[in-house]
Each structure stands twice: as C-alpha cells, then as structure tokens.
Protein backbone atom coordinates (compact mmCIF):
# COMPACT_ATOMS: atom_id res chain seq x y z
CA UNK A 1 11.20 -24.82 -27.52
CA UNK A 2 7.70 -24.81 -28.83
CA UNK A 3 7.85 -21.05 -29.42
CA UNK A 4 9.10 -19.08 -32.36
CA UNK A 5 12.40 -17.27 -31.92
CA UNK A 6 10.71 -13.87 -32.24
CA UNK A 7 8.33 -14.71 -29.38
CA UNK A 8 11.22 -15.80 -27.14
CA UNK A 9 13.15 -12.61 -27.89
CA UNK A 10 10.05 -10.53 -27.19
CA UNK A 11 9.47 -12.33 -23.88
CA UNK A 12 13.12 -11.88 -22.84
CA UNK A 13 12.82 -8.18 -23.68
CA UNK A 14 9.83 -7.84 -21.36
CA UNK A 15 11.66 -9.65 -18.56
CA UNK A 16 14.63 -7.34 -19.06
CA UNK A 17 12.40 -4.23 -18.93
CA UNK A 18 10.89 -5.53 -15.69
CA UNK A 19 14.44 -5.94 -14.31
CA UNK A 20 13.84 -9.66 -13.72
CA UNK A 21 16.82 -10.60 -15.89
CA UNK A 22 20.06 -8.86 -16.77
CA UNK A 23 21.96 -9.25 -20.00
CA UNK A 24 25.61 -9.26 -20.99
CA UNK A 25 26.89 -9.15 -24.54
CA UNK A 26 29.86 -11.30 -25.49
CA UNK A 27 30.63 -10.85 -29.13
CA UNK A 28 27.54 -11.83 -31.10
CA UNK A 29 26.04 -13.61 -28.10
CA UNK A 30 23.65 -12.01 -25.65
CA UNK A 31 23.71 -13.83 -22.33
CA UNK A 32 20.73 -13.64 -19.97
CA UNK A 33 20.95 -13.99 -16.19
CA UNK A 34 18.19 -14.11 -13.59
CA UNK A 35 18.18 -11.08 -11.30
CA UNK A 36 17.34 -12.52 -7.84
CA UNK A 37 16.78 -9.18 -6.05
CA UNK A 38 13.35 -8.28 -7.52
CA UNK A 39 12.25 -11.91 -7.25
CA UNK A 40 13.15 -11.90 -3.57
CA UNK A 41 11.29 -8.61 -3.08
CA UNK A 42 8.14 -10.17 -4.58
CA UNK A 43 8.59 -13.17 -2.30
CA UNK A 44 9.14 -10.98 0.77
CA UNK A 45 6.17 -8.74 0.05
CA UNK A 46 3.56 -11.22 -1.19
CA UNK A 47 4.46 -14.80 -0.34
CA UNK A 48 6.38 -14.88 2.93
CA UNK A 49 3.48 -13.60 5.07
CA UNK A 50 1.29 -16.51 3.93
CA UNK A 51 4.10 -19.02 4.22
CA UNK A 52 4.97 -18.18 7.84
CA UNK A 53 1.58 -19.22 9.20
CA UNK A 54 1.57 -22.46 7.26
CA UNK A 55 5.12 -23.30 8.33
CA UNK A 56 4.20 -22.55 11.93
CA UNK A 57 1.28 -24.97 11.73
CA UNK A 58 3.50 -27.67 10.21
CA UNK A 59 6.06 -27.14 12.97
CA UNK A 60 3.36 -27.46 15.64
CA UNK A 61 2.02 -30.62 13.98
CA UNK A 62 5.53 -32.13 13.89
CA UNK A 63 6.04 -31.35 17.57
CA UNK A 64 2.68 -32.90 18.49
CA UNK A 65 3.33 -36.05 16.45
CA UNK A 66 6.77 -36.49 18.00
CA UNK A 67 5.29 -36.09 21.48
CA UNK A 68 2.71 -38.80 20.73
CA UNK A 69 5.42 -41.23 19.58
CA UNK A 70 7.04 -41.28 23.02
C-alpha cells in the first residue's frame, strides 16, 4: 500500500469503532472482516430510494425497445 502502517492501523480502528468491520484475534494476528449489516442499512436508507426510480426507468426503456423490435 502507499500508506504507512500506522495510518492503516488508525483507519482500521476508525472502521471498527463505526462497526463497519469486526475483528478476530488469532495468536499474534488480528483479522478484519467487513460487517455487511451497517453497510446494508446505509444502502437501504440512502441509496435504494434513488435507485428504484432509475431502475424503473431502465425497465420501461427495455420494454419499449423490445416492443419496437417486433
């Protein structure tokens, strides 16, 4: 990586505090895993409502184009 080790550790600490990752110690190793629940909650609250309209428009466009092919 193009970051110093201390910066990476600091960033991982912030992600852990925000509950975006979980950690598990195995001996001297500290393993990091993505926590999908809060990421999904962000998606559901902020992104999905904008995505639904766009996907609806794309679906309608697909239907119209397929009708014109026949």
